[in-house]
């Protein structure tokens, strides 16, 4: 059985839990990080020297970095639909995974923390507005792609949809002003029909 270390309200942990649910592999989720602590303990740092979540244990194999873990779970426990057998098609899907981390995550964090996690007296409204403007532009890029294909992974759902899909849940459920991006919205509505998405991602925002 897999062990997935990390608190379930972490976007990066949600990616891994969603991937595991899609494959049907048995796993144990061990709460760690944030209010749960653990990540500073020497035993945990021996598994993940970053002191972050998630961390995956599969027998003797230990992995950290959420996108890497998603790729691994999909490759080992998923099918060709989730992992995508063709190398070129898989690379086109995987770029969205890396884009979510390199381009979307930081401005999204400024929005999320100032809308959901910080008390009003600690919110940075300038950072929130700047992050919101950037996220609107970035999600417009996603919308343009989804105008041409049903999923970020191509014609079928795959690993390329998982990271951005985790951000999309908070994007649509936060009390913010969003531009009308119909293709993004339709894609999100499709994700919401997936039992694995409902279980791993669609939990209260905290």
Protein backbone atom coordinates (compact mmCIF):
# COMPACT_ATOMS: atom_id res chain seq x y z
CA UNK A 1 0.00 0.00 0.00
CA UNK A 2 1.22 3.48 -0.86
CA UNK A 3 1.82 6.00 1.89
CA UNK A 4 1.06 9.61 0.95
CA UNK A 5 2.26 12.12 3.50
CA UNK A 6 0.55 15.51 3.50
CA UNK A 7 -2.45 17.54 4.62
CA UNK A 8 -5.44 17.20 2.34
CA UNK A 9 -5.99 20.97 1.97
CA UNK A 10 -2.64 21.37 0.20
CA UNK A 11 -2.94 21.82 -3.56
CA UNK A 12 0.19 19.75 -4.11
CA UNK A 13 -1.12 16.93 -1.94
CA UNK A 14 -4.46 17.04 -3.74
CA UNK A 15 -2.67 16.34 -7.02
CA UNK A 16 -1.23 13.12 -5.64
CA UNK A 17 -4.41 11.99 -3.91
CA UNK A 18 -6.40 12.65 -7.09
CA UNK A 19 -3.94 10.63 -9.19
CA UNK A 20 -4.12 7.76 -6.72
CA UNK A 21 -7.91 7.82 -6.74
CA UNK A 22 -7.98 7.81 -10.55
CA UNK A 23 -5.86 4.66 -10.67
CA UNK A 24 -7.65 2.88 -7.83
CA UNK A 25 -4.38 1.99 -6.09
CA UNK A 26 -4.66 1.41 -2.35
CA UNK A 27 -3.05 4.13 -0.25
CA UNK A 28 -2.82 5.54 3.24
CA UNK A 29 -2.87 9.30 3.68
CA UNK A 30 -0.84 10.47 6.66
CA UNK A 31 -1.60 14.06 7.70
CA UNK A 32 1.54 16.16 7.75
CA UNK A 33 2.49 19.78 7.26
CA UNK A 34 0.76 22.92 8.44
CA UNK A 35 -1.09 22.43 11.71
CA UNK A 36 -0.16 18.73 11.72
CA UNK A 37 3.58 19.35 12.00
CA UNK A 38 5.79 16.28 11.42
CA UNK A 39 7.66 17.80 8.45
CA UNK A 40 10.44 19.18 10.68
CA UNK A 41 11.05 15.87 12.40
CA UNK A 42 14.35 14.17 11.55
CA UNK A 43 12.51 11.03 10.48
CA UNK A 44 10.47 12.96 7.95
CA UNK A 45 13.43 15.03 6.75
CA UNK A 46 15.22 11.78 6.03
CA UNK A 47 12.44 11.02 3.55
CA UNK A 48 12.06 14.57 2.22
CA UNK A 49 14.93 16.96 2.98
CA UNK A 50 12.81 19.92 1.83
CA UNK A 51 10.49 19.49 4.80
CA UNK A 52 7.49 19.94 2.50
CA UNK A 53 4.51 17.88 1.42
CA UNK A 54 3.68 15.62 -0.29
CA UNK A 55 6.00 12.69 0.14
CA UNK A 56 5.24 9.28 -1.34
CA UNK A 57 6.41 5.92 -0.05
CA UNK A 58 5.92 2.87 -2.26
CA UNK A 59 7.77 0.05 -0.57
CA UNK A 60 11.42 1.09 -0.48
CA UNK A 61 10.88 3.90 -2.98
CA UNK A 62 10.52 7.40 -1.56
CA UNK A 63 9.58 10.34 -3.78
CA UNK A 64 8.92 14.03 -3.30
CA UNK A 65 7.83 16.78 -5.72
CA UNK A 66 4.13 16.50 -6.48
CA UNK A 67 4.30 16.43 -10.29
CA UNK A 68 6.95 13.71 -10.19
CA UNK A 69 4.76 11.67 -7.86
CA UNK A 70 1.74 12.10 -10.14
CA UNK A 71 3.79 10.92 -13.12
CA UNK A 72 5.02 7.91 -11.16
CA UNK A 73 1.58 6.86 -9.94
CA UNK A 74 0.12 7.24 -13.42
CA UNK A 75 2.98 5.30 -15.04
CA UNK A 76 3.01 2.43 -12.54
CA UNK A 77 -0.61 2.10 -11.53
CA UNK A 78 -2.59 3.89 -14.24
CA UNK A 79 -3.35 2.90 -17.80
CA UNK A 80 -2.28 4.41 -21.12
CA UNK A 81 -5.24 6.79 -20.92
CA UNK A 82 -4.01 8.46 -17.73
CA UNK A 83 -0.26 8.30 -18.40
CA UNK A 84 -0.45 8.60 -22.23
CA UNK A 85 1.71 6.04 -24.00
CA UNK A 86 2.82 8.19 -26.94
CA UNK A 87 5.89 10.20 -25.89
CA UNK A 88 5.01 13.28 -27.95
CA UNK A 89 1.42 13.45 -26.77
CA UNK A 90 2.54 12.83 -23.20
CA UNK A 91 5.05 15.68 -23.39
CA UNK A 92 2.35 18.05 -24.62
CA UNK A 93 0.27 17.10 -21.60
CA UNK A 94 3.16 17.24 -19.14
CA UNK A 95 4.08 20.79 -20.10
CA UNK A 96 0.86 21.91 -18.42
CA UNK A 97 1.99 20.18 -15.25
CA UNK A 98 5.24 22.12 -15.22
CA UNK A 99 3.51 25.33 -16.31
CA UNK A 100 1.17 25.08 -13.33
CA UNK A 101 4.18 25.02 -11.03
CA UNK A 102 6.41 27.53 -12.80
CA UNK A 103 3.82 30.11 -13.91
CA UNK A 104 0.51 29.72 -12.10
CA UNK A 105 1.35 28.65 -8.55
CA UNK A 106 2.96 31.86 -7.23
CA UNK A 107 0.37 34.44 -8.35
CA UNK A 108 -2.38 32.01 -7.42
CA UNK A 109 -0.94 31.74 -3.91
CA UNK A 110 -1.19 35.51 -3.50
CA UNK A 111 -4.88 35.35 -4.36
CA UNK A 112 -5.69 32.25 -2.32
CA UNK A 113 -3.93 33.30 0.86
CA UNK A 114 -5.46 36.76 0.84
CA UNK A 115 -8.98 35.47 0.12
CA UNK A 116 -9.08 32.23 2.10
CA UNK A 117 -6.32 31.89 4.67
CA UNK A 118 -5.39 35.29 6.04
CA UNK A 119 -7.55 37.27 8.42
CA UNK A 120 -8.67 40.68 7.10
CA UNK A 121 -6.12 42.57 9.20
CA UNK A 122 -3.26 40.59 7.67
CA UNK A 123 -4.38 40.58 4.04
CA UNK A 124 -2.23 42.25 1.39
CA UNK A 125 -4.78 43.70 -1.02
CA UNK A 126 -2.17 44.93 -3.50
CA UNK A 127 -0.63 41.46 -3.74
CA UNK A 128 -4.07 39.93 -4.13
CA UNK A 129 -5.05 42.27 -6.97
CA UNK A 130 -1.74 41.77 -8.76
CA UNK A 131 -2.04 38.02 -8.40
CA UNK A 132 -5.63 38.12 -9.61
CA UNK A 133 -4.70 40.05 -12.74
CA UNK A 134 -1.91 37.61 -13.53
CA UNK A 135 -4.12 34.58 -12.91
CA UNK A 136 -6.80 35.97 -15.21
CA UNK A 137 -4.25 36.19 -18.02
CA UNK A 138 -2.90 32.72 -17.30
CA UNK A 139 -6.31 31.07 -17.15
CA UNK A 140 -7.14 32.79 -20.44
CA UNK A 141 -4.25 30.80 -21.94
CA UNK A 142 -5.82 27.62 -20.62
CA UNK A 143 -9.17 28.66 -22.06
CA UNK A 144 -7.60 29.17 -25.50
CA UNK A 145 -6.16 25.67 -25.44
CA UNK A 146 -9.42 24.15 -24.26
CA UNK A 147 -11.19 25.84 -27.15
CA UNK A 148 -9.25 23.47 -29.41
CA UNK A 149 -9.33 20.25 -27.40
CA UNK A 150 -11.50 18.90 -24.55
CA UNK A 151 -8.67 18.34 -22.08
CA UNK A 152 -5.23 19.75 -21.42
CA UNK A 153 -3.96 16.22 -22.03
CA UNK A 154 -5.61 16.13 -25.45
CA UNK A 155 -8.72 14.24 -26.48
CA UNK A 156 -8.94 12.37 -23.18
CA UNK A 157 -8.36 13.19 -19.54
CA UNK A 158 -4.78 12.53 -18.41
CA UNK A 159 -1.98 13.64 -16.14
CA UNK A 160 -1.77 17.05 -17.80
CA UNK A 161 -5.15 17.97 -16.35
CA UNK A 162 -4.37 17.18 -12.72
CA UNK A 163 -2.23 20.11 -11.51
CA UNK A 164 -4.24 22.86 -13.23
CA UNK A 165 -7.44 21.06 -12.26
CA UNK A 166 -6.52 21.38 -8.58
CA UNK A 167 -6.05 25.13 -8.98
CA UNK A 168 -9.27 25.38 -10.97
CA UNK A 169 -11.37 24.18 -8.05
CA UNK A 170 -10.25 27.03 -5.81
CA UNK A 171 -10.40 29.50 -8.72
CA UNK A 172 -14.07 28.81 -9.30
CA UNK A 173 -15.07 28.41 -5.65
CA UNK A 174 -13.35 31.47 -4.17
CA UNK A 175 -15.36 34.66 -3.75
CA UNK A 176 -13.54 36.63 -6.43
CA UNK A 177 -14.38 38.36 -9.71
CA UNK A 178 -13.43 36.12 -12.61
CA UNK A 179 -13.51 36.72 -16.36
CA UNK A 180 -15.94 34.71 -18.45
CA UNK A 181 -13.82 31.88 -19.85
CA UNK A 182 -16.38 29.41 -21.24
CA UNK A 183 -13.99 26.65 -22.30
CA UNK A 184 -12.23 26.69 -18.94
CA UNK A 185 -15.60 26.57 -17.20
CA UNK A 186 -16.82 23.66 -19.32
CA UNK A 187 -13.61 21.73 -18.61
CA UNK A 188 -14.04 22.39 -14.90
CA UNK A 189 -17.62 21.14 -15.03
CA UNK A 190 -16.37 17.93 -16.65
CA UNK A 191 -13.78 17.47 -13.91
CA UNK A 192 -16.49 17.86 -11.29
CA UNK A 193 -18.23 14.75 -12.60
CA UNK A 194 -15.21 12.57 -11.82
CA UNK A 195 -15.55 10.68 -8.49
CA UNK A 196 -11.79 10.90 -7.90
CA UNK A 197 -11.89 14.69 -8.29
CA UNK A 198 -14.88 14.95 -5.97
CA UNK A 199 -13.10 12.97 -3.25
CA UNK A 200 -9.58 14.35 -3.47
CA UNK A 201 -10.06 17.93 -4.62
CA UNK A 202 -13.57 19.16 -3.90
CA UNK A 203 -13.20 19.66 -0.17
CA UNK A 204 -13.77 22.88 1.80
CA UNK A 205 -11.20 25.57 1.05
CA UNK A 206 -8.99 26.21 4.05
